[in-house]
Amino acid sequence: MTLPERSALSRRDYLRALVAVGGASALAACTSEGDDIDVPSGTDDPSSLPERQHAWNDALTRDDDGNVRPPEHHVLVALSLVDEPTDEARAQVEAALQDLERAYEWSNEGLLFTLGYTPAYFDRFDGSLPDEIDLPEPEAIVGQADEFDEFDAIFHLASDHSQVVLEAEEGLFGEGDELNGREIETDLTGVFERVDEHRRTGFVGAGLPAEHTDVSGVPDSVPAEAPFFMGFRSGFAENQATENRVTIEAGPFAGATTQHVESMTIQLRTWLEQDSHYQRVAKMFSPEHADENLTGDIGEALGASSGLTDERIEATESDARGGVVGHAQKAARAREDGNPLLLRRDFNTVDGDTPGLHFLSLQAGIDEFVRVREAMEGDDLGAPNANNGIRSYVFPNRRGNYLLPPRSLRALPAADPERA
C-alpha cells in the first residue's frame, strides 16, 4: 500500500494511517515522527508476567471514573502455520514472544499482546479440545451471511504508540533488527506466515474518531471528544465482565479464555446526520436515557456504568412495543445474576477506507458471546428495524473464534496438552 501524504494529515492521524498501511516503509516513517518517544523497557524475567495472556487491566491506566482506558493503537495479524507444530517450532515461538516481553514494558506505554488459535488450528491434532473449552467453528449469528476466520492464529498487538505496534509486527517477521533498542534474537519466520489480506487495524481514544473526516463515510459531525465513531463512550467498568469471570478455571487450559472478533462496517453518516442526539441516545442506551438526559453529550455523565437499572432492563419488551428499544438495554438481558458475560476490547477502524468497528470480546466460552449477540439483535422483540437499537446502522461482515491459552501454553499448544 502507498504511504499516506504527510502534509494532508495531523500527526495523530498520520500515525494511525501508517499503522493501517503496515510494513517496513510505514515503520520507518512512523519512527521519524516519534523520535521523542521514550518507550519503557520490558522485564528481564518474562516468567514474572501474569499467567493469563488476557491479564491487561492491571497494566492499563484508568479514566477519572475508574474505567479502564484501552491502548490507542491496535493491530490484528492473521497467521498461517508454515508446517505442522514441532517441539523445535514451539521453542522458537516462545523465544520470539519473550523477546517482545524483554523489549517492551507490559503496559499501554509499552506493548500488550495476545496470541490466539482458531478451531481450524486444533483440527490438525488427533485428540480433541478438553470439555472445559467451548470453541466451535464460527458461524453466522442471527442470519448474517458472514465470512469466517479459518486461518490458524491471530496476534493482537496494542500500544499507545503506533511505532511500537509496527516495530513489534515487523520484528516478529524478520523485517527488523531491533525491538526498542534491543537486538532481535528470535522471530517467527519459518513457523508462521502472515495472511496479509486479513490483517486488521484500528484505534480508540478521545478525539481519534473525529480526526478521520477525510475518510469517505465519516462525516464532520463526529463528536470532537468521542472515543468511538458512534459518538459515545463504551467499556464502562460496571458493565464489563471481570478478567476472572472470563477465565477458564479448570482443565489443562486453566488460565485461558476464548476470544471472538466480529468485524463490521458502520453506516455512520446516516447515524449521525439523520437521527437527532435524542434518538441516538434512545437507540444506543434506552428511551429512558433520552427522556431523562442521562448520558450527556458522549456518555460522560454515566461515569462507570451504562445506567441500566434492573427496572429498565425489565422494561425492554414494553419499550420495544412502544416503538424504540436501546442497544445496551437489549444486550443487558443476557447478564447472569446481574453480571455481564463479556469483556470487550473493541476498537474503531477505517480498514478499506470505510468506518467500522472490530468488536473484540473475551468470555469463558463462545456460547456466552452468542447469547449476548442474539440479545443485542433483539429479533424476539418485534420493534421496527430502524428503532431496534443500532442494528440498522452496523453490518457485520467477518467473524472468528479463538482460544487464548495461558502464557505457559501459548506457543503452538496441542489440543490435549496433558496427553501431549
Protein backbone atom coordinates (compact mmCIF):
# COMPACT_ATOMS: atom_id res chain seq x y z
CA MET A 1 0.00 0.00 0.00
CA THR A 2 1.06 3.61 -0.63
CA LEU A 3 2.13 5.68 2.36
CA PRO A 4 -0.28 8.48 3.30
CA GLU A 5 0.51 12.06 2.35
CA ARG A 6 2.07 13.64 5.45
CA SER A 7 1.13 17.25 4.72
CA ALA A 8 -2.58 16.43 4.48
CA LEU A 9 -2.90 14.89 7.96
CA SER A 10 -2.42 15.79 11.60
CA ARG A 11 0.37 13.95 13.37
CA ARG A 12 -2.05 11.63 15.21
CA ASP A 13 -3.96 10.81 12.05
CA TYR A 14 -0.76 10.26 10.10
CA LEU A 15 0.47 7.76 12.69
CA ARG A 16 -2.87 5.95 12.62
CA ALA A 17 -2.72 5.76 8.85
CA LEU A 18 0.80 4.32 8.98
CA VAL A 19 -0.39 1.51 11.27
CA ALA A 20 -3.15 0.72 8.78
CA VAL A 21 -0.65 0.54 5.91
CA GLY A 22 1.93 -1.52 7.83
CA GLY A 23 5.27 -2.76 6.54
CA ALA A 24 8.87 -1.59 6.77
CA SER A 25 8.27 1.72 4.96
CA ALA A 26 5.43 2.62 7.33
CA LEU A 27 7.62 1.75 10.31
CA ALA A 28 10.43 3.97 9.01
CA ALA A 29 8.01 6.87 8.52
CA CYS A 30 6.49 6.27 11.94
CA THR A 31 9.91 6.18 13.61
CA SER A 32 10.87 9.50 12.03
CA GLU A 33 7.72 11.03 13.56
CA GLY A 34 8.35 9.56 17.00
CA ASP A 35 11.99 10.30 17.76
CA ASP A 36 10.98 11.88 21.08
CA ILE A 37 9.08 8.81 22.32
CA ASP A 38 10.59 7.12 25.35
CA VAL A 39 9.17 3.59 25.38
CA PRO A 40 9.75 1.77 28.69
CA SER A 41 11.73 -1.45 28.51
CA GLY A 42 10.32 -4.81 29.45
CA THR A 43 11.32 -7.37 32.04
CA ASP A 44 14.46 -9.50 32.25
CA ASP A 45 12.23 -12.25 33.64
CA PRO A 46 9.24 -12.91 31.36
CA SER A 47 8.10 -15.66 33.74
CA SER A 48 7.17 -12.88 36.19
CA LEU A 49 4.34 -11.71 33.91
CA PRO A 50 0.77 -12.90 34.52
CA GLU A 51 -0.05 -16.47 33.51
CA ARG A 52 -3.17 -15.18 31.76
CA GLN A 53 -2.39 -13.70 28.36
CA HIS A 54 -5.52 -11.57 28.69
CA ALA A 55 -4.45 -10.02 32.02
CA TRP A 56 -4.27 -6.46 30.73
CA ASN A 57 -6.40 -4.44 33.14
CA ASP A 58 -3.83 -4.00 35.91
CA ALA A 59 -1.31 -2.86 33.30
CA LEU A 60 -3.61 -0.19 31.83
CA THR A 61 -4.47 3.29 33.07
CA ARG A 62 -7.98 4.33 34.09
CA ASP A 63 -10.02 7.45 33.49
CA ASP A 64 -11.38 9.71 36.23
CA ASP A 65 -14.43 7.43 36.61
CA GLY A 66 -12.37 4.27 37.07
CA ASN A 67 -12.99 2.86 33.60
CA VAL A 68 -10.06 1.02 32.04
CA ARG A 69 -8.54 3.10 29.24
CA PRO A 70 -7.59 0.83 26.32
CA PRO A 71 -4.41 1.34 24.28
CA GLU A 72 -4.82 3.73 21.36
CA HIS A 73 -3.39 1.62 18.51
CA HIS A 74 -4.30 -1.97 17.63
CA VAL A 75 -3.23 -4.50 15.01
CA LEU A 76 -4.73 -7.95 14.44
CA VAL A 77 -2.20 -10.02 12.49
CA ALA A 78 -3.70 -13.13 10.87
CA LEU A 79 -1.30 -16.10 10.84
CA SER A 80 -0.97 -19.37 8.98
CA LEU A 81 1.36 -22.19 10.02
CA VAL A 82 4.14 -22.97 7.57
CA ASP A 83 4.35 -26.60 8.72
CA GLU A 84 2.96 -28.87 11.41
CA PRO A 85 3.83 -27.96 15.03
CA THR A 86 7.04 -29.45 16.46
CA ASP A 87 8.85 -29.02 19.75
CA GLU A 88 11.51 -27.02 17.91
CA ALA A 89 8.86 -24.69 16.46
CA ARG A 90 7.25 -24.28 19.89
CA ALA A 91 10.59 -23.26 21.38
CA GLN A 92 11.10 -20.73 18.58
CA VAL A 93 7.65 -19.17 19.09
CA GLU A 94 8.12 -18.90 22.84
CA ALA A 95 11.57 -17.33 22.42
CA ALA A 96 10.19 -14.77 19.97
CA LEU A 97 7.38 -13.81 22.36
CA GLN A 98 9.81 -13.46 25.24
CA ASP A 99 11.91 -11.15 23.05
CA LEU A 100 8.87 -8.86 22.91
CA GLU A 101 8.40 -9.04 26.69
CA ARG A 102 12.03 -8.16 27.32
CA ALA A 103 11.88 -5.26 24.88
CA TYR A 104 8.63 -3.57 25.92
CA GLU A 105 7.01 -2.96 29.27
CA TRP A 106 3.73 -4.86 29.74
CA SER A 107 1.58 -1.72 29.63
CA ASN A 108 -0.16 0.71 27.32
CA GLU A 109 3.07 2.75 27.21
CA GLY A 110 4.93 -0.37 26.11
CA LEU A 111 3.18 -3.30 24.45
CA LEU A 112 0.33 -5.64 25.29
CA PHE A 113 -0.40 -8.66 23.12
CA THR A 114 -2.17 -12.00 22.88
CA LEU A 115 -1.75 -14.97 20.58
CA GLY A 116 -4.97 -16.88 19.92
CA TYR A 117 -5.74 -20.05 17.97
CA THR A 118 -8.72 -20.92 15.78
CA PRO A 119 -10.70 -24.19 15.77
CA ALA A 120 -9.02 -24.88 12.39
CA TYR A 121 -5.64 -24.88 14.12
CA PHE A 122 -6.75 -27.50 16.66
CA ASP A 123 -8.39 -29.69 13.99
CA ARG A 124 -4.95 -30.95 12.91
CA PHE A 125 -4.46 -32.88 16.17
CA ASP A 126 -5.68 -36.43 16.80
CA GLY A 127 -7.12 -35.53 20.19
CA SER A 128 -9.93 -33.04 20.76
CA LEU A 129 -10.04 -29.99 22.98
CA PRO A 130 -10.97 -30.69 26.62
CA ASP A 131 -14.60 -30.50 27.69
CA GLU A 132 -13.90 -27.24 29.52
CA ILE A 133 -13.17 -25.47 26.22
CA ASP A 134 -16.16 -24.12 24.27
CA LEU A 135 -14.58 -23.22 20.91
CA PRO A 136 -16.89 -24.09 18.00
CA GLU A 137 -16.28 -23.21 14.38
CA PRO A 138 -17.54 -19.67 13.75
CA GLU A 139 -20.92 -19.44 12.10
CA ALA A 140 -23.45 -16.83 11.13
CA ILE A 141 -25.34 -15.38 14.08
CA VAL A 142 -28.87 -14.01 13.66
CA GLY A 143 -28.80 -14.74 9.95
CA GLN A 144 -25.94 -12.66 8.56
CA ALA A 145 -24.05 -14.04 5.57
CA ASP A 146 -20.68 -13.75 7.30
CA GLU A 147 -17.17 -14.68 6.23
CA PHE A 148 -15.10 -16.55 8.80
CA ASP A 149 -11.53 -16.62 10.10
CA GLU A 150 -10.31 -20.04 9.05
CA PHE A 151 -6.55 -19.47 9.23
CA ASP A 152 -4.56 -20.78 12.22
CA ALA A 153 -3.98 -17.95 14.67
CA ILE A 154 -4.20 -14.24 15.32
CA PHE A 155 -1.80 -11.87 17.04
CA HIS A 156 -3.38 -8.87 18.80
CA LEU A 157 -0.80 -6.10 19.33
CA ALA A 158 -1.80 -2.99 21.29
CA SER A 159 0.04 0.12 22.47
CA ASP A 160 -0.45 3.84 22.89
CA HIS A 161 2.42 4.26 20.43
CA SER A 162 1.96 3.45 16.75
CA GLN A 163 5.69 2.95 16.39
CA VAL A 164 5.60 0.11 18.92
CA VAL A 165 2.91 -1.99 17.24
CA LEU A 166 4.57 -1.58 13.84
CA GLU A 167 8.06 -2.32 15.16
CA ALA A 168 6.84 -5.41 17.02
CA GLU A 169 4.97 -6.74 13.98
CA GLU A 170 7.86 -6.19 11.60
CA GLY A 171 10.39 -7.57 14.08
CA LEU A 172 8.41 -10.77 14.55
CA PHE A 173 8.57 -11.47 10.83
CA GLY A 174 12.20 -10.78 10.03
CA GLU A 175 11.76 -7.20 8.81
CA GLY A 176 13.69 -5.50 11.60
CA ASP A 177 16.90 -5.73 13.60
CA GLU A 178 15.84 -4.27 16.93
CA LEU A 179 12.89 -4.09 19.31
CA ASN A 180 13.00 -0.92 21.40
CA GLY A 181 16.78 -0.79 21.04
CA ARG A 182 17.33 -4.48 21.82
CA GLU A 183 18.75 -6.78 19.20
CA ILE A 184 16.18 -9.31 17.97
CA GLU A 185 17.34 -12.80 18.86
CA THR A 186 14.39 -14.87 17.57
CA ASP A 187 11.44 -14.21 15.28
CA LEU A 188 8.51 -16.22 13.88
CA THR A 189 9.78 -16.71 10.33
CA GLY A 190 9.66 -20.31 9.23
CA VAL A 191 6.89 -21.11 11.73
CA PHE A 192 4.14 -18.61 10.86
CA GLU A 193 3.48 -16.51 7.81
CA ARG A 194 1.20 -13.51 7.72
CA VAL A 195 -2.15 -13.68 5.95
CA ASP A 196 -1.96 -10.09 4.76
CA GLU A 197 -5.46 -9.87 3.26
CA HIS A 198 -6.92 -10.44 6.74
CA ARG A 199 -4.69 -8.02 8.65
CA ARG A 200 -6.87 -5.61 10.62
CA THR A 201 -6.06 -2.36 12.36
CA GLY A 202 -7.77 0.24 14.48
CA PHE A 203 -7.73 2.86 17.17
CA VAL A 204 -9.65 4.05 20.20
CA GLY A 205 -9.38 7.19 22.26
CA ALA A 206 -10.97 10.57 22.88
CA GLY A 207 -10.81 12.68 19.74
CA LEU A 208 -9.35 10.00 17.46
CA PRO A 209 -12.57 9.22 15.51
CA ALA A 210 -13.12 12.92 14.75
CA GLU A 211 -9.71 13.05 13.04
CA HIS A 212 -10.94 10.75 10.26
CA THR A 213 -13.36 13.01 8.45
CA ASP A 214 -11.09 12.72 5.40
CA VAL A 215 -12.36 9.13 5.00
CA SER A 216 -15.43 8.59 2.86
CA GLY A 217 -18.38 7.84 5.10
CA VAL A 218 -17.00 9.72 8.13
CA PRO A 219 -18.96 12.99 8.40
CA ASP A 220 -17.75 16.20 10.04
CA SER A 221 -20.44 15.68 12.67
CA VAL A 222 -18.44 13.01 14.57
CA PRO A 223 -18.35 14.43 18.14
CA ALA A 224 -14.99 16.05 18.77
CA GLU A 225 -14.18 14.20 22.02
CA ALA A 226 -15.90 10.88 21.38
CA PRO A 227 -13.64 7.80 21.68
CA PHE A 228 -15.80 5.76 19.28
CA PHE A 229 -17.25 6.59 15.87
CA MET A 230 -20.86 6.30 17.02
CA GLY A 231 -20.32 9.16 19.43
CA PHE A 232 -20.49 7.59 22.88
CA ARG A 233 -18.16 6.20 25.48
CA SER A 234 -18.07 2.43 25.93
CA GLY A 235 -16.35 -0.07 28.19
CA PHE A 236 -17.99 1.13 31.42
CA ALA A 237 -16.28 -0.68 34.31
CA GLU A 238 -19.52 -1.87 35.91
CA ASN A 239 -20.79 -3.26 32.61
CA GLN A 240 -17.71 -5.25 31.71
CA ALA A 241 -17.06 -8.81 32.82
CA THR A 242 -14.01 -9.09 35.04
CA GLU A 243 -10.89 -10.88 33.86
CA ASN A 244 -11.69 -13.52 36.49
CA ARG A 245 -15.19 -14.00 35.05
CA VAL A 246 -13.93 -14.70 31.53
CA THR A 247 -11.12 -17.03 32.62
CA ILE A 248 -11.38 -20.81 32.19
CA GLU A 249 -10.55 -22.12 35.64
CA ALA A 250 -10.36 -25.90 35.21
CA GLY A 251 -8.64 -28.44 32.98
CA PRO A 252 -5.31 -28.38 31.17
CA PHE A 253 -6.04 -24.91 29.72
CA ALA A 254 -6.75 -23.32 33.11
CA GLY A 255 -5.96 -19.63 32.86
CA ALA A 256 -7.15 -19.39 29.24
CA THR A 257 -10.10 -17.52 27.77
CA THR A 258 -11.95 -17.50 24.47
CA GLN A 259 -11.95 -14.57 22.09
CA HIS A 260 -14.45 -13.58 19.43
CA VAL A 261 -13.65 -10.99 16.76
CA GLU A 262 -16.56 -9.58 14.77
CA SER A 263 -15.62 -7.04 12.09
CA MET A 264 -18.33 -4.69 10.90
CA THR A 265 -18.90 -1.55 8.88
CA ILE A 266 -20.93 1.37 10.23
CA GLN A 267 -23.39 3.50 8.28
CA LEU A 268 -22.06 6.47 10.16
CA ARG A 269 -23.37 9.33 8.08
CA THR A 270 -26.96 8.11 8.48
CA TRP A 271 -26.47 7.55 12.21
CA LEU A 272 -25.03 11.00 12.89
CA GLU A 273 -26.88 13.16 10.38
CA GLN A 274 -30.30 11.56 10.01
CA ASP A 275 -31.01 10.99 13.70
CA SER A 276 -31.08 13.61 16.46
CA HIS A 277 -28.98 13.26 19.60
CA TYR A 278 -32.14 12.27 21.47
CA GLN A 279 -32.83 9.47 19.00
CA ARG A 280 -29.22 8.24 19.13
CA VAL A 281 -29.29 8.08 22.92
CA ALA A 282 -32.59 6.16 22.89
CA LYS A 283 -31.27 3.65 20.34
CA MET A 284 -27.84 3.24 21.93
CA PHE A 285 -28.92 3.05 25.59
CA SER A 286 -32.69 3.19 26.26
CA PRO A 287 -35.66 5.55 25.80
CA GLU A 288 -35.40 6.49 29.48
CA HIS A 289 -31.80 7.65 28.95
CA ALA A 290 -33.06 10.01 26.25
CA ASP A 291 -36.11 11.21 28.19
CA GLU A 292 -34.11 11.91 31.35
CA ASN A 293 -30.97 13.21 29.55
CA LEU A 294 -28.83 10.70 31.46
CA THR A 295 -25.83 10.47 29.16
CA GLY A 296 -24.50 13.94 28.44
CA ASP A 297 -23.05 14.63 25.00
CA ILE A 298 -20.90 11.49 24.63
CA GLY A 299 -21.86 9.39 27.66
CA GLU A 300 -19.60 11.28 30.07
CA ALA A 301 -22.45 11.75 32.56
CA LEU A 302 -22.74 7.99 33.07
CA GLY A 303 -19.49 7.60 34.98
CA ALA A 304 -18.56 3.94 35.40
CA SER A 305 -21.93 2.44 34.44
CA SER A 306 -24.24 2.46 31.44
CA GLY A 307 -27.02 3.46 33.85
CA LEU A 308 -29.22 0.48 33.01
CA THR A 309 -31.15 -0.36 36.14
CA ASP A 310 -32.93 -3.68 36.68
CA GLU A 311 -36.20 -1.87 36.05
CA ARG A 312 -35.02 -0.52 32.71
CA ILE A 313 -33.76 -3.92 31.60
CA GLU A 314 -37.08 -5.49 32.60
CA ALA A 315 -38.84 -2.80 30.54
CA THR A 316 -37.05 -3.86 27.33
CA GLU A 317 -40.09 -5.62 25.86
CA SER A 318 -42.51 -2.84 26.73
CA ASP A 319 -40.12 -0.21 25.32
CA ALA A 320 -39.91 -2.24 22.11
CA ARG A 321 -43.71 -2.34 21.91
CA GLY A 322 -43.62 1.43 22.33
CA GLY A 323 -41.53 1.69 19.17
CA VAL A 324 -37.90 2.19 20.32
CA VAL A 325 -35.51 -0.04 22.25
CA GLY A 326 -31.88 0.54 23.19
CA HIS A 327 -28.85 -1.48 22.07
CA ALA A 328 -27.29 -1.63 25.55
CA GLN A 329 -30.70 -2.32 27.08
CA LYS A 330 -31.17 -5.37 24.84
CA ALA A 331 -27.68 -6.74 25.48
CA ALA A 332 -28.09 -6.41 29.26
CA ARG A 333 -30.83 -9.06 29.17
CA ALA A 334 -28.08 -11.70 28.80
CA ARG A 335 -26.48 -10.91 32.16
CA GLU A 336 -26.27 -13.68 34.77
CA ASP A 337 -27.33 -12.63 38.28
CA GLY A 338 -26.81 -9.06 37.15
CA ASN A 339 -23.24 -9.72 35.97
CA PRO A 340 -22.04 -9.08 32.38
CA LEU A 341 -20.66 -12.07 30.48
CA LEU A 342 -18.31 -10.30 28.06
CA LEU A 343 -15.09 -8.33 28.50
CA ARG A 344 -14.99 -6.06 25.44
CA ARG A 345 -11.77 -4.74 23.95
CA ASP A 346 -13.08 -3.47 20.63
CA PHE A 347 -11.77 -0.57 18.57
CA ASN A 348 -12.66 1.70 15.64
CA THR A 349 -11.29 1.07 12.18
CA VAL A 350 -11.10 2.66 8.75
CA ASP A 351 -9.78 -0.50 7.10
CA GLY A 352 -10.80 -0.40 3.45
CA ASP A 353 -11.32 3.38 3.80
CA THR A 354 -14.68 2.70 5.44
CA PRO A 355 -15.70 3.50 9.04
CA GLY A 356 -16.19 0.39 11.10
CA LEU A 357 -15.59 -1.49 14.31
CA HIS A 358 -13.62 -4.58 15.22
CA PHE A 359 -15.76 -5.91 18.06
CA LEU A 360 -13.36 -7.98 20.16
CA SER A 361 -14.75 -9.75 23.20
CA LEU A 362 -13.40 -12.19 25.76
CA GLN A 363 -15.62 -14.71 27.52
CA ALA A 364 -15.33 -18.07 29.25
CA GLY A 365 -16.99 -19.81 26.29
CA ILE A 366 -18.17 -18.81 22.84
CA ASP A 367 -21.73 -19.82 23.76
CA GLU A 368 -21.78 -16.80 26.08
CA PHE A 369 -20.86 -14.48 23.24
CA VAL A 370 -23.63 -15.98 21.10
CA ARG A 371 -26.19 -15.43 23.88
CA VAL A 372 -25.23 -11.77 24.25
CA ARG A 373 -25.06 -11.23 20.49
CA GLU A 374 -28.55 -12.68 19.99
CA ALA A 375 -29.85 -10.48 22.81
CA MET A 376 -28.23 -7.45 21.14
CA GLU A 377 -30.02 -8.25 17.89
CA GLY A 378 -33.43 -8.33 19.55
CA ASP A 379 -35.20 -10.44 16.93
CA ASP A 380 -37.64 -11.54 19.62
CA LEU A 381 -38.82 -8.02 20.42
CA GLY A 382 -40.71 -7.05 17.29
CA ALA A 383 -39.50 -3.45 17.28
CA PRO A 384 -39.26 -1.68 13.91
CA ASN A 385 -35.83 -2.38 12.44
CA ALA A 386 -34.91 1.32 12.27
CA ASN A 387 -35.62 1.71 16.01
CA ASN A 388 -34.34 -1.68 17.20
CA GLY A 389 -31.15 -0.45 18.84
CA ILE A 390 -28.36 0.13 16.32
CA ARG A 391 -28.96 -2.91 14.12
CA SER A 392 -29.85 -0.89 11.02
CA TYR A 393 -26.54 1.03 11.21
CA VAL A 394 -23.93 -1.73 11.75
CA PHE A 395 -23.23 -4.52 9.29
CA PRO A 396 -21.05 -7.46 10.39
CA ASN A 397 -19.03 -9.00 7.58
CA ARG A 398 -16.47 -11.28 9.22
CA ARG A 399 -16.08 -13.18 12.48
CA GLY A 400 -13.73 -15.64 14.13
CA ASN A 401 -13.41 -17.70 17.32
CA TYR A 402 -10.13 -18.15 19.17
CA LEU A 403 -8.66 -19.79 22.25
CA LEU A 404 -6.18 -17.61 24.13
CA PRO A 405 -4.17 -20.22 26.07
CA PRO A 406 -2.41 -19.39 29.31
CA ARG A 407 1.09 -17.99 28.83
CA SER A 408 2.67 -21.38 29.57
CA LEU A 409 0.79 -22.96 26.62
CA ARG A 410 0.70 -20.07 24.17
CA ALA A 411 3.38 -21.47 21.83
CA LEU A 412 1.64 -23.91 19.45
CA PRO A 413 -0.42 -25.82 22.03
CA ALA A 414 -1.72 -29.33 21.35
CA ALA A 415 -5.47 -29.88 21.56
CA ASP A 416 -4.91 -32.06 24.62
CA PRO A 417 -1.81 -30.71 26.41
CA GLU A 418 -1.91 -33.39 29.11
CA ARG A 419 -1.62 -36.21 26.57
CA ALA A 420 0.96 -34.31 24.51
